[in-house]
Amino acid sequence: MLDLGPLHHCVHKHRQKIIDNPDILIGAFSLHLTAYLNGDEWQNSTVVSKVFEIAQQLPYSQDFHVAFFTGAANTWEQFISKFAEGGLINEATAEERDLAWLLATNDEN
């Protein structure tokens, strides 16, 4: 997890692109290249097509997405600040990162 700083920053930038232009995510002509973080092909294009169809019938769909991603911005910015250049995580050596490893949950099963 401590090595994922660059990915977290990409998510943050993508979130801002969606706020600036929600059509890239749920617009009638949205493409996997812009909607999906990595630009990969849709895993199930039939489902995605249906979602796009339904989204066009919901008058506040874009407003909802903008509000959601805007609301997440503050928390996300606090989260990624820990990965900023010069920060403890960014400056930690590979050995220090290995020493900081913890279980993802408190349930080893």
PDB file of N, CA and C in Angstrom:
ATOM      1  N   MET A   1       0.825  -1.183   0.000  1.00  0.00           N
ATOM      2  CA  MET A   1       0.000   0.000   0.000  1.00  0.00           C
ATOM      3  C   MET A   1       0.872   1.251   0.000  1.00  0.00           C
ATOM      4  N   LEU A   2       1.992   1.188   0.691  1.00  0.00           N
ATOM      5  CA  LEU A   2       2.855   2.358   0.787  1.00  0.00           C
ATOM      6  C   LEU A   2       3.549   2.682  -0.530  1.00  0.00           C
ATOM      7  N   ASP A   3       3.525   1.759  -1.474  1.00  0.00           N
ATOM      8  CA  ASP A   3       4.138   1.996  -2.780  1.00  0.00           C
ATOM      9  C   ASP A   3       3.133   2.511  -3.810  1.00  0.00           C
ATOM     10  N   LEU A   4       1.906   2.735  -3.392  1.00  0.00           N
ATOM     11  CA  LEU A   4       0.843   3.096  -4.335  1.00  0.00           C
ATOM     12  C   LEU A   4       0.598   4.598  -4.454  1.00  0.00           C
ATOM     13  N   GLY A   5       1.489   5.422  -3.952  1.00  0.00           N
ATOM     14  CA  GLY A   5       1.326   6.870  -4.036  1.00  0.00           C
ATOM     15  C   GLY A   5       1.028   7.359  -5.449  1.00  0.00           C
ATOM     16  N   PRO A   6       1.797   6.933  -6.464  1.00  0.00           N
ATOM     17  CA  PRO A   6       1.511   7.389  -7.830  1.00  0.00           C
ATOM     18  C   PRO A   6       0.102   7.012  -8.303  1.00  0.00           C
ATOM     19  N   LEU A   7      -0.361   5.822  -7.944  1.00  0.00           N
ATOM     20  CA  LEU A   7      -1.721   5.417  -8.314  1.00  0.00           C
ATOM     21  C   LEU A   7      -2.754   6.315  -7.627  1.00  0.00           C
ATOM     22  N   HIS A   8      -2.559   6.602  -6.346  1.00  0.00           N
ATOM     23  CA  HIS A   8      -3.491   7.455  -5.615  1.00  0.00           C
ATOM     24  C   HIS A   8      -3.572   8.845  -6.252  1.00  0.00           C
ATOM     25  N   HIS A   9      -2.445   9.361  -6.713  1.00  0.00           N
ATOM     26  CA  HIS A   9      -2.444  10.672  -7.369  1.00  0.00           C
ATOM     27  C   HIS A   9      -3.170  10.609  -8.719  1.00  0.00           C
ATOM     28  N   CYS A  10      -3.040   9.501  -9.431  1.00  0.00           N
ATOM     29  CA  CYS A  10      -3.778   9.332 -10.700  1.00  0.00           C
ATOM     30  C   CYS A  10      -5.284   9.301 -10.448  1.00  0.00           C
ATOM     31  N   VAL A  11      -5.703   8.621  -9.397  1.00  0.00           N
ATOM     32  CA  VAL A  11      -7.126   8.570  -9.044  1.00  0.00           C
ATOM     33  C   VAL A  11      -7.620   9.983  -8.740  1.00  0.00           C
ATOM     34  N   HIS A  12      -6.825  10.736  -8.009  1.00  0.00           N
ATOM     35  CA  HIS A  12      -7.200  12.104  -7.656  1.00  0.00           C
ATOM     36  C   HIS A  12      -7.367  12.969  -8.917  1.00  0.00           C
ATOM     37  N   LYS A  13      -6.458  12.848  -9.843  1.00  0.00           N
ATOM     38  CA  LYS A  13      -6.555  13.624 -11.103  1.00  0.00           C
ATOM     39  C   LYS A  13      -7.778  13.192 -11.916  1.00  0.00           C
ATOM     40  N   HIS A  14      -8.041  11.902 -11.947  1.00  0.00           N
ATOM     41  CA  HIS A  14      -9.194  11.391 -12.696  1.00  0.00           C
ATOM     42  C   HIS A  14     -10.495  11.874 -12.062  1.00  0.00           C
ATOM     43  N   ARG A  15     -10.532  11.885 -10.744  1.00  0.00           N
ATOM     44  CA  ARG A  15     -11.696  12.395 -10.026  1.00  0.00           C
ATOM     45  C   ARG A  15     -11.970  13.840 -10.426  1.00  0.00           C
ATOM     46  N   GLN A  16     -10.927  14.636 -10.531  1.00  0.00           N
ATOM     47  CA  GLN A  16     -11.095  16.040 -10.916  1.00  0.00           C
ATOM     48  C   GLN A  16     -11.570  16.161 -12.363  1.00  0.00           C
ATOM     49  N   LYS A  17     -11.086  15.301 -13.250  1.00  0.00           N
ATOM     50  CA  LYS A  17     -11.559  15.324 -14.649  1.00  0.00           C
ATOM     51  C   LYS A  17     -13.055  15.038 -14.720  1.00  0.00           C
ATOM     52  N   ILE A  18     -13.527  14.140 -13.878  1.00  0.00           N
ATOM     53  CA  ILE A  18     -14.959  13.817 -13.865  1.00  0.00           C
ATOM     54  C   ILE A  18     -15.767  15.005 -13.350  1.00  0.00           C
ATOM     55  N   ILE A  19     -15.267  15.687 -12.329  1.00  0.00           N
ATOM     56  CA  ILE A  19     -15.948  16.886 -11.833  1.00  0.00           C
ATOM     57  C   ILE A  19     -16.025  17.945 -12.937  1.00  0.00           C
ATOM     58  N   ASP A  20     -14.926  18.138 -13.628  1.00  0.00           N
ATOM     59  CA  ASP A  20     -14.867  19.161 -14.676  1.00  0.00           C
ATOM     60  C   ASP A  20     -15.749  18.822 -15.872  1.00  0.00           C
ATOM     61  N   ASN A  21     -15.897  17.529 -16.155  1.00  0.00           N
ATOM     62  CA  ASN A  21     -16.686  17.101 -17.309  1.00  0.00           C
ATOM     63  C   ASN A  21     -17.289  15.730 -17.030  1.00  0.00           C
ATOM     64  N   PRO A  22     -18.451  15.693 -16.351  1.00  0.00           N
ATOM     65  CA  PRO A  22     -19.045  14.395 -16.003  1.00  0.00           C
ATOM     66  C   PRO A  22     -19.437  13.563 -17.221  1.00  0.00           C
ATOM     67  N   ASP A  23     -19.515  14.169 -18.390  1.00  0.00           N
ATOM     68  CA  ASP A  23     -19.829  13.408 -19.601  1.00  0.00           C
ATOM     69  C   ASP A  23     -18.788  12.340 -19.899  1.00  0.00           C
ATOM     70  N   ILE A  24     -17.552  12.527 -19.430  1.00  0.00           N
ATOM     71  CA  ILE A  24     -16.538  11.502 -19.709  1.00  0.00           C
ATOM     72  C   ILE A  24     -16.852  10.203 -18.997  1.00  0.00           C
ATOM     73  N   LEU A  25     -17.634  10.296 -17.923  1.00  0.00           N
ATOM     74  CA  LEU A  25     -17.975   9.103 -17.161  1.00  0.00           C
ATOM     75  C   LEU A  25     -19.305   8.497 -17.584  1.00  0.00           C
ATOM     76  N   ILE A  26     -20.323   9.328 -17.737  1.00  0.00           N
ATOM     77  CA  ILE A  26     -21.665   8.810 -17.985  1.00  0.00           C
ATOM     78  C   ILE A  26     -22.368   9.491 -19.150  1.00  0.00           C
ATOM     79  N   GLY A  27     -21.621  10.180 -19.994  1.00  0.00           N
ATOM     80  CA  GLY A  27     -22.236  10.840 -21.139  1.00  0.00           C
ATOM     81  C   GLY A  27     -22.672   9.842 -22.195  1.00  0.00           C
ATOM     82  N   ALA A  28     -23.541  10.283 -23.075  1.00  0.00           N
ATOM     83  CA  ALA A  28     -24.069   9.405 -24.118  1.00  0.00           C
ATOM     84  C   ALA A  28     -22.957   8.844 -25.008  1.00  0.00           C
ATOM     85  N   PHE A  29     -21.867   9.580 -25.128  1.00  0.00           N
ATOM     86  CA  PHE A  29     -20.775   9.142 -25.999  1.00  0.00           C
ATOM     87  C   PHE A  29     -19.500   8.855 -25.199  1.00  0.00           C
ATOM     88  N   SER A  30     -19.676   8.504 -23.938  1.00  0.00           N
ATOM     89  CA  SER A  30     -18.542   8.195 -23.078  1.00  0.00           C
ATOM     90  C   SER A  30     -17.789   6.977 -23.617  1.00  0.00           C
ATOM     91  N   LEU A  31     -16.499   7.030 -23.521  1.00  0.00           N
ATOM     92  CA  LEU A  31     -15.644   5.934 -23.983  1.00  0.00           C
ATOM     93  C   LEU A  31     -14.831   5.383 -22.820  1.00  0.00           C
ATOM     94  N   HIS A  32     -14.483   4.137 -22.908  1.00  0.00           N
ATOM     95  CA  HIS A  32     -13.646   3.532 -21.871  1.00  0.00           C
ATOM     96  C   HIS A  32     -12.319   4.263 -21.749  1.00  0.00           C
ATOM     97  N   LEU A  33     -11.848   4.860 -22.825  1.00  0.00           N
ATOM     98  CA  LEU A  33     -10.562   5.557 -22.813  1.00  0.00           C
ATOM     99  C   LEU A  33     -10.559   6.753 -21.870  1.00  0.00           C
ATOM    100  N   THR A  34     -11.711   7.391 -21.696  1.00  0.00           N
ATOM    101  CA  THR A  34     -11.788   8.554 -20.810  1.00  0.00           C
ATOM    102  C   THR A  34     -12.491   8.245 -19.490  1.00  0.00           C
ATOM    103  N   ALA A  35     -13.460   7.362 -19.517  1.00  0.00           N
ATOM    104  CA  ALA A  35     -14.242   7.082 -18.312  1.00  0.00           C
ATOM    105  C   ALA A  35     -13.487   6.198 -17.327  1.00  0.00           C
ATOM    106  N   TYR A  36     -12.810   5.222 -17.833  1.00  0.00           N
ATOM    107  CA  TYR A  36     -12.126   4.245 -16.994  1.00  0.00           C
ATOM    108  C   TYR A  36     -10.729   4.769 -16.667  1.00  0.00           C
ATOM    109  N   LEU A  37     -10.329   4.698 -15.417  1.00  0.00           N
ATOM    110  CA  LEU A  37      -9.064   5.265 -14.958  1.00  0.00           C
ATOM    111  C   LEU A  37      -7.888   4.864 -15.833  1.00  0.00           C
ATOM    112  N   ASN A  38      -7.784   3.590 -16.161  1.00  0.00           N
ATOM    113  CA  ASN A  38      -6.650   3.109 -16.943  1.00  0.00           C
ATOM    114  C   ASN A  38      -6.933   3.050 -18.439  1.00  0.00           C
ATOM    115  N   GLY A  39      -8.156   3.387 -18.838  1.00  0.00           N
ATOM    116  CA  GLY A  39      -8.501   3.360 -20.254  1.00  0.00           C
ATOM    117  C   GLY A  39      -8.711   1.968 -20.809  1.00  0.00           C
ATOM    118  N   ASP A  40      -8.755   0.961 -19.942  1.00  0.00           N
ATOM    119  CA  ASP A  40      -8.954  -0.415 -20.403  1.00  0.00           C
ATOM    120  C   ASP A  40     -10.358  -0.578 -20.979  1.00  0.00           C
ATOM    121  N   GLU A  41     -10.541  -1.642 -21.750  1.00  0.00           N
ATOM    122  CA  GLU A  41     -11.858  -1.959 -22.307  1.00  0.00           C
ATOM    123  C   GLU A  41     -12.838  -2.235 -21.170  1.00  0.00           C
ATOM    124  N   TRP A  42     -14.124  -1.978 -21.437  1.00  0.00           N
ATOM    125  CA  TRP A  42     -15.153  -2.314 -20.461  1.00  0.00           C
ATOM    126  C   TRP A  42     -15.134  -3.828 -20.240  1.00  0.00           C
ATOM    127  N   GLN A  43     -15.326  -4.261 -19.013  1.00  0.00           N
ATOM    128  CA  GLN A  43     -15.388  -5.691 -18.729  1.00  0.00           C
ATOM    129  C   GLN A  43     -16.688  -6.293 -19.236  1.00  0.00           C
ATOM    130  N   ASN A  44     -17.771  -5.519 -19.198  1.00  0.00           N
ATOM    131  CA  ASN A  44     -19.053  -5.999 -19.693  1.00  0.00           C
ATOM    132  C   ASN A  44     -19.739  -4.837 -20.396  1.00  0.00           C
ATOM    133  N   SER A  45     -19.512  -4.719 -21.690  1.00  0.00           N
ATOM    134  CA  SER A  45     -20.028  -3.574 -22.446  1.00  0.00           C
ATOM    135  C   SER A  45     -21.557  -3.533 -22.484  1.00  0.00           C
ATOM    136  N   THR A  46     -22.216  -4.684 -22.351  1.00  0.00           N
ATOM    137  CA  THR A  46     -23.679  -4.710 -22.322  1.00  0.00           C
ATOM    138  C   THR A  46     -24.205  -3.973 -21.092  1.00  0.00           C
ATOM    139  N   VAL A  47     -23.599  -4.228 -19.957  1.00  0.00           N
ATOM    140  CA  VAL A  47     -24.000  -3.564 -18.722  1.00  0.00           C
ATOM    141  C   VAL A  47     -23.716  -2.069 -18.817  1.00  0.00           C
ATOM    142  N   VAL A  48     -22.552  -1.720 -19.317  1.00  0.00           N
ATOM    143  CA  VAL A  48     -22.175  -0.310 -19.447  1.00  0.00           C
ATOM    144  C   VAL A  48     -23.146   0.410 -20.369  1.00  0.00           C
ATOM    145  N   SER A  49     -23.511  -0.193 -21.475  1.00  0.00           N
ATOM    146  CA  SER A  49     -24.480   0.417 -22.391  1.00  0.00           C
ATOM    147  C   SER A  49     -25.812   0.671 -21.705  1.00  0.00           C
ATOM    148  N   LYS A  50     -26.246  -0.280 -20.910  1.00  0.00           N
ATOM    149  CA  LYS A  50     -27.513  -0.134 -20.186  1.00  0.00           C
ATOM    150  C   LYS A  50     -27.425   0.995 -19.154  1.00  0.00           C
ATOM    151  N   VAL A  51     -26.304   1.083 -18.460  1.00  0.00           N
ATOM    152  CA  VAL A  51     -26.106   2.165 -17.491  1.00  0.00           C
ATOM    153  C   VAL A  51     -26.167   3.511 -18.202  1.00  0.00           C
ATOM    154  N   PHE A  52     -25.497   3.624 -19.343  1.00  0.00           N
ATOM    155  CA  PHE A  52     -25.538   4.883 -20.103  1.00  0.00           C
ATOM    156  C   PHE A  52     -26.962   5.214 -20.526  1.00  0.00           C
ATOM    157  N   GLU A  53     -27.693   4.215 -20.952  1.00  0.00           N
ATOM    158  CA  GLU A  53     -29.076   4.418 -21.379  1.00  0.00           C
ATOM    159  C   GLU A  53     -29.931   4.936 -20.218  1.00  0.00           C
ATOM    160  N   ILE A  54     -29.804   4.313 -19.075  1.00  0.00           N
ATOM    161  CA  ILE A  54     -30.579   4.727 -17.902  1.00  0.00           C
ATOM    162  C   ILE A  54     -30.138   6.110 -17.426  1.00  0.00           C
ATOM    163  N   ALA A  55     -28.841   6.375 -17.430  1.00  0.00           N
ATOM    164  CA  ALA A  55     -28.324   7.669 -16.963  1.00  0.00           C
ATOM    165  C   ALA A  55     -28.898   8.826 -17.762  1.00  0.00           C
ATOM    166  N   GLN A  56     -29.145   8.615 -19.056  1.00  0.00           N
ATOM    167  CA  GLN A  56     -29.690   9.682 -19.893  1.00  0.00           C
ATOM    168  C   GLN A  56     -31.134  10.016 -19.514  1.00  0.00           C
ATOM    169  N   GLN A  57     -31.791   9.100 -18.840  1.00  0.00           N
ATOM    170  CA  GLN A  57     -33.179   9.310 -18.427  1.00  0.00           C
ATOM    171  C   GLN A  57     -33.288   9.917 -17.025  1.00  0.00           C
ATOM    172  N   LEU A  58     -32.179  10.042 -16.332  1.00  0.00           N
ATOM    173  CA  LEU A  58     -32.173  10.589 -14.967  1.00  0.00           C
ATOM    174  C   LEU A  58     -31.699  12.039 -15.023  1.00  0.00           C
ATOM    175  N   PRO A  59     -32.584  12.988 -14.750  1.00  0.00           N
ATOM    176  CA  PRO A  59     -32.237  14.397 -14.947  1.00  0.00           C
ATOM    177  C   PRO A  59     -31.102  14.906 -14.061  1.00  0.00           C
ATOM    178  N   TYR A  60     -30.879  14.286 -12.912  1.00  0.00           N
ATOM    179  CA  TYR A  60     -29.847  14.778 -12.002  1.00  0.00           C
ATOM    180  C   TYR A  60     -28.640  13.857 -11.922  1.00  0.00           C
ATOM    181  N   SER A  61     -28.500  12.976 -12.859  1.00  0.00           N
ATOM    182  CA  SER A  61     -27.406  12.009 -12.838  1.00  0.00           C
ATOM    183  C   SER A  61     -26.037  12.696 -12.821  1.00  0.00           C
ATOM    184  N   GLN A  62     -25.848  13.652 -13.700  1.00  0.00           N
ATOM    185  CA  GLN A  62     -24.559  14.346 -13.734  1.00  0.00           C
ATOM    186  C   GLN A  62     -24.334  15.140 -12.458  1.00  0.00           C
ATOM    187  N   ASP A  63     -25.377  15.819 -11.974  1.00  0.00           N
ATOM    188  CA  ASP A  63     -25.252  16.583 -10.729  1.00  0.00           C
ATOM    189  C   ASP A  63     -24.856  15.672  -9.571  1.00  0.00           C
ATOM    190  N   PHE A  64     -25.457  14.489  -9.541  1.00  0.00           N
ATOM    191  CA  PHE A  64     -25.135  13.520  -8.494  1.00  0.00           C
ATOM    192  C   PHE A  64     -23.659  13.144  -8.548  1.00  0.00           C
ATOM    193  N   HIS A  65     -23.163  12.830  -9.737  1.00  0.00           N
ATOM    194  CA  HIS A  65     -21.768  12.417  -9.863  1.00  0.00           C
ATOM    195  C   HIS A  65     -20.817  13.551  -9.494  1.00  0.00           C
ATOM    196  N   VAL A  66     -21.126  14.756  -9.924  1.00  0.00           N
ATOM    197  CA  VAL A  66     -20.279  15.901  -9.577  1.00  0.00           C
ATOM    198  C   VAL A  66     -20.283  16.101  -8.059  1.00  0.00           C
ATOM    199  N   ALA A  67     -21.451  16.031  -7.431  1.00  0.00           N
ATOM    200  CA  ALA A  67     -21.540  16.203  -5.975  1.00  0.00           C
ATOM    201  C   ALA A  67     -20.760  15.108  -5.246  1.00  0.00           C
ATOM    202  N   PHE A  68     -20.888  13.876  -5.721  1.00  0.00           N
ATOM    203  CA  PHE A  68     -20.182  12.761  -5.084  1.00  0.00           C
ATOM    204  C   PHE A  68     -18.669  12.963  -5.151  1.00  0.00           C
ATOM    205  N   PHE A  69     -18.147  13.228  -6.347  1.00  0.00           N
ATOM    206  CA  PHE A  69     -16.700  13.364  -6.501  1.00  0.00           C
ATOM    207  C   PHE A  69     -16.173  14.635  -5.854  1.00  0.00           C
ATOM    208  N   THR A  70     -16.993  15.685  -5.799  1.00  0.00           N
ATOM    209  CA  THR A  70     -16.595  16.907  -5.104  1.00  0.00           C
ATOM    210  C   THR A  70     -16.542  16.656  -3.608  1.00  0.00           C
ATOM    211  N   GLY A  71     -17.539  15.958  -3.075  1.00  0.00           N
ATOM    212  CA  GLY A  71     -17.558  15.636  -1.657  1.00  0.00           C
ATOM    213  C   GLY A  71     -16.388  14.766  -1.245  1.00  0.00           C
ATOM    214  N   ALA A  72     -15.962  13.902  -2.138  1.00  0.00           N
ATOM    215  CA  ALA A  72     -14.837  13.013  -1.838  1.00  0.00           C
ATOM    216  C   ALA A  72     -13.498  13.749  -1.918  1.00  0.00           C
ATOM    217  N   ALA A  73     -13.486  14.910  -2.547  1.00  0.00           N
ATOM    218  CA  ALA A  73     -12.234  15.626  -2.793  1.00  0.00           C
ATOM    219  C   ALA A  73     -11.473  15.949  -1.521  1.00  0.00           C
ATOM    220  N   ASN A  74     -12.144  16.491  -0.523  1.00  0.00           N
ATOM    221  CA  ASN A  74     -11.457  16.899   0.697  1.00  0.00           C
ATOM    222  C   ASN A  74     -10.794  15.714   1.377  1.00  0.00           C
ATOM    223  N   THR A  75     -11.526  14.641   1.539  1.00  0.00           N
ATOM    224  CA  THR A  75     -10.960  13.456   2.177  1.00  0.00           C
ATOM    225  C   THR A  75      -9.828  12.882   1.339  1.00  0.00           C
ATOM    226  N   TRP A  76     -10.023  12.843   0.031  1.00  0.00           N
ATOM    227  CA  TRP A  76      -8.988  12.286  -0.840  1.00  0.00           C
ATOM    228  C   TRP A  76      -7.717  13.122  -0.774  1.00  0.00           C
ATOM    229  N   GLU A  77      -7.880  14.443  -0.743  1.00  0.00           N
ATOM    230  CA  GLU A  77      -6.707  15.321  -0.660  1.00  0.00           C
ATOM    231  C   GLU A  77      -5.961  15.101   0.652  1.00  0.00           C
ATOM    232  N   GLN A  78      -6.688  14.906   1.742  1.00  0.00           N
ATOM    233  CA  GLN A  78      -6.034  14.607   3.021  1.00  0.00           C
ATOM    234  C   GLN A  78      -5.290  13.277   2.937  1.00  0.00           C
ATOM    235  N   PHE A  79      -5.914  12.303   2.299  1.00  0.00           N
ATOM    236  CA  PHE A  79      -5.304  10.979   2.167  1.00  0.00           C
ATOM    237  C   PHE A  79      -4.018  11.039   1.344  1.00  0.00           C
ATOM    238  N   ILE A  80      -4.070  11.655   0.156  1.00  0.00           N
ATOM    239  CA  ILE A  80      -2.886  11.635  -0.707  1.00  0.00           C
ATOM    240  C   ILE A  80      -1.786  12.570  -0.222  1.00  0.00           C
ATOM    241  N   SER A  81      -2.116  13.492   0.687  1.00  0.00           N
ATOM    242  CA  SER A  81      -1.065  14.371   1.211  1.00  0.00           C
ATOM    243  C   SER A  81       0.003  13.545   1.924  1.00  0.00           C
ATOM    244  N   LYS A  82      -0.377  12.393   2.418  1.00  0.00           N
ATOM    245  CA  LYS A  82       0.583  11.522   3.094  1.00  0.00           C
ATOM    246  C   LYS A  82       1.605  10.934   2.119  1.00  0.00           C
ATOM    247  N   PHE A  83       1.282  10.975   0.819  1.00  0.00           N
ATOM    248  CA  PHE A  83       2.175  10.440  -0.203  1.00  0.00           C
ATOM    249  C   PHE A  83       2.925  11.541  -0.952  1.00  0.00           C
ATOM    250  N   ALA A  84       2.804  12.782  -0.495  1.00  0.00           N
ATOM    251  CA  ALA A  84       3.406  13.917  -1.183  1.00  0.00           C
ATOM    252  C   ALA A  84       4.930  13.829  -1.176  1.00  0.00           C
ATOM    253  N   GLU A  85       5.528  14.450  -2.184  1.00  0.00           N
ATOM    254  CA  GLU A  85       6.989  14.497  -2.226  1.00  0.00           C
ATOM    255  C   GLU A  85       7.500  15.164  -0.962  1.00  0.00           C
ATOM    256  N   GLY A  86       8.514  14.572  -0.381  1.00  0.00           N
ATOM    257  CA  GLY A  86       9.092  15.098   0.849  1.00  0.00           C
ATOM    258  C   GLY A  86       8.422  14.566   2.100  1.00  0.00           C
ATOM    259  N   GLY A  87       7.288  13.870   1.931  1.00  0.00           N
ATOM    260  CA  GLY A  87       6.577  13.307   3.080  1.00  0.00           C
ATOM    261  C   GLY A  87       7.226  12.036   3.568  1.00  0.00           C
ATOM    262  N   LEU A  88       6.781  11.581   4.736  1.00  0.00           N
ATOM    263  CA  LEU A  88       7.380  10.385   5.341  1.00  0.00           C
ATOM    264  C   LEU A  88       7.264   9.154   4.457  1.00  0.00           C
ATOM    265  N   ILE A  89       6.109   8.938   3.862  1.00  0.00           N
ATOM    266  CA  ILE A  89       5.923   7.750   3.026  1.00  0.00           C
ATOM    267  C   ILE A  89       6.768   7.852   1.761  1.00  0.00           C
ATOM    268  N   ASN A  90       6.734   9.016   1.127  1.00  0.00           N
ATOM    269  CA  ASN A  90       7.480   9.201  -0.120  1.00  0.00           C
ATOM    270  C   ASN A  90       8.983   9.069   0.097  1.00  0.00           C
ATOM    271  N   GLU A  91       9.464   9.529   1.224  1.00  0.00           N
ATOM    272  CA  GLU A  91      10.909   9.526   1.489  1.00  0.00           C
ATOM    273  C   GLU A  91      11.393   8.238   2.146  1.00  0.00           C
ATOM    274  N   ALA A  92      10.476   7.368   2.553  1.00  0.00           N
ATOM    275  CA  ALA A  92      10.879   6.122   3.229  1.00  0.00           C
ATOM    276  C   ALA A  92      11.621   5.206   2.260  1.00  0.00           C
ATOM    277  N   THR A  93      12.583   4.512   2.776  1.00  0.00           N
ATOM    278  CA  THR A  93      13.315   3.537   1.971  1.00  0.00           C
ATOM    279  C   THR A  93      12.459   2.278   1.833  1.00  0.00           C
ATOM    280  N   ALA A  94      12.845   1.411   0.915  1.00  0.00           N
ATOM    281  CA  ALA A  94      12.128   0.147   0.735  1.00  0.00           C
ATOM    282  C   ALA A  94      12.162  -0.660   2.033  1.00  0.00           C
ATOM    283  N   GLU A  95      13.276  -0.636   2.722  1.00  0.00           N
ATOM    284  CA  GLU A  95      13.393  -1.367   3.992  1.00  0.00           C
ATOM    285  C   GLU A  95      12.436  -0.789   5.038  1.00  0.00           C
ATOM    286  N   GLU A  96      12.356   0.532   5.115  1.00  0.00           N
ATOM    287  CA  GLU A  96      11.449   1.161   6.083  1.00  0.00           C
ATOM    288  C   GLU A  96       9.989   0.846   5.750  1.00  0.00           C
ATOM    289  N   ARG A  97       9.670   0.799   4.468  1.00  0.00           N
ATOM    290  CA  ARG A  97       8.308   0.454   4.067  1.00  0.00           C
ATOM    291  C   ARG A  97       7.990  -0.991   4.435  1.00  0.00           C
ATOM    292  N   ASP A  98       8.948  -1.876   4.250  1.00  0.00           N
ATOM    293  CA  ASP A  98       8.740  -3.272   4.633  1.00  0.00           C
ATOM    294  C   ASP A  98       8.514  -3.400   6.145  1.00  0.00           C
ATOM    295  N   LEU A  99       9.233  -2.611   6.925  1.00  0.00           N
ATOM    296  CA  LEU A  99       9.089  -2.649   8.377  1.00  0.00           C
ATOM    297  C   LEU A  99       7.731  -2.118   8.830  1.00  0.00           C
ATOM    298  N   ALA A 100       7.106  -1.285   8.024  1.00  0.00           N
ATOM    299  CA  ALA A 100       5.806  -0.688   8.375  1.00  0.00           C
ATOM    300  C   ALA A 100       4.639  -1.579   7.975  1.00  0.00           C
ATOM    301  N   TRP A 101       4.905  -2.720   7.357  1.00  0.00           N
ATOM    302  CA  TRP A 101       3.841  -3.597   6.861  1.00  0.00           C
ATOM    303  C   TRP A 101       2.953  -4.088   8.000  1.00  0.00           C
ATOM    304  N   LEU A 102       1.635  -4.070   7.762  1.00  0.00           N
ATOM    305  CA  LEU A 102       0.642  -4.586   8.706  1.00  0.00           C
ATOM    306  C   LEU A 102      -0.362  -5.409   7.930  1.00  0.00           C
ATOM    307  N   LEU A 103      -1.075  -6.280   8.630  1.00  0.00           N
ATOM    308  CA  LEU A 103      -2.176  -7.011   8.002  1.00  0.00           C
ATOM    309  C   LEU A 103      -3.233  -6.014   7.527  1.00  0.00           C
ATOM    310  N   ALA A 104      -3.892  -6.341   6.433  1.00  0.00           N
ATOM    311  CA  ALA A 104      -4.940  -5.461   5.914  1.00  0.00           C
ATOM    312  C   ALA A 104      -6.146  -5.405   6.855  1.00  0.00           C
ATOM    313  N   THR A 105      -6.376  -6.459   7.597  1.00  0.00           N
ATOM    314  CA  THR A 105      -7.455  -6.483   8.579  1.00  0.00           C
ATOM    315  C   THR A 105      -6.907  -7.107   9.864  1.00  0.00           C
ATOM    316  N   ASN A 106      -7.720  -7.095  10.895  1.00  0.00           N
ATOM    317  CA  ASN A 106      -7.284  -7.727  12.134  1.00  0.00           C
ATOM    318  C   ASN A 106      -7.702  -9.181  12.208  1.00  0.00           C
ATOM    319  N   ASP A 107      -8.172  -9.744  11.107  1.00  0.00           N
ATOM    320  CA  ASP A 107      -8.617 -11.136  11.037  1.00  0.00           C
ATOM    321  C   ASP A 107      -7.679 -11.906  10.099  1.00  0.00           C
ATOM    322  N   GLU A 108      -6.804 -12.694  10.643  1.00  0.00           N
ATOM    323  CA  GLU A 108      -5.834 -13.423   9.815  1.00  0.00           C
ATOM    324  C   GLU A 108      -6.485 -14.511   8.967  1.00  0.00           C
ATOM    325  N   ASN A 109      -7.714 -14.847   9.258  1.00  0.00           N
ATOM    326  CA  ASN A 109      -8.412 -15.865   8.474  1.00  0.00           C
ATOM    327  C   ASN A 109      -8.981 -15.248   7.221  1.00  0.00           C
TER     328      ASN A 109
END
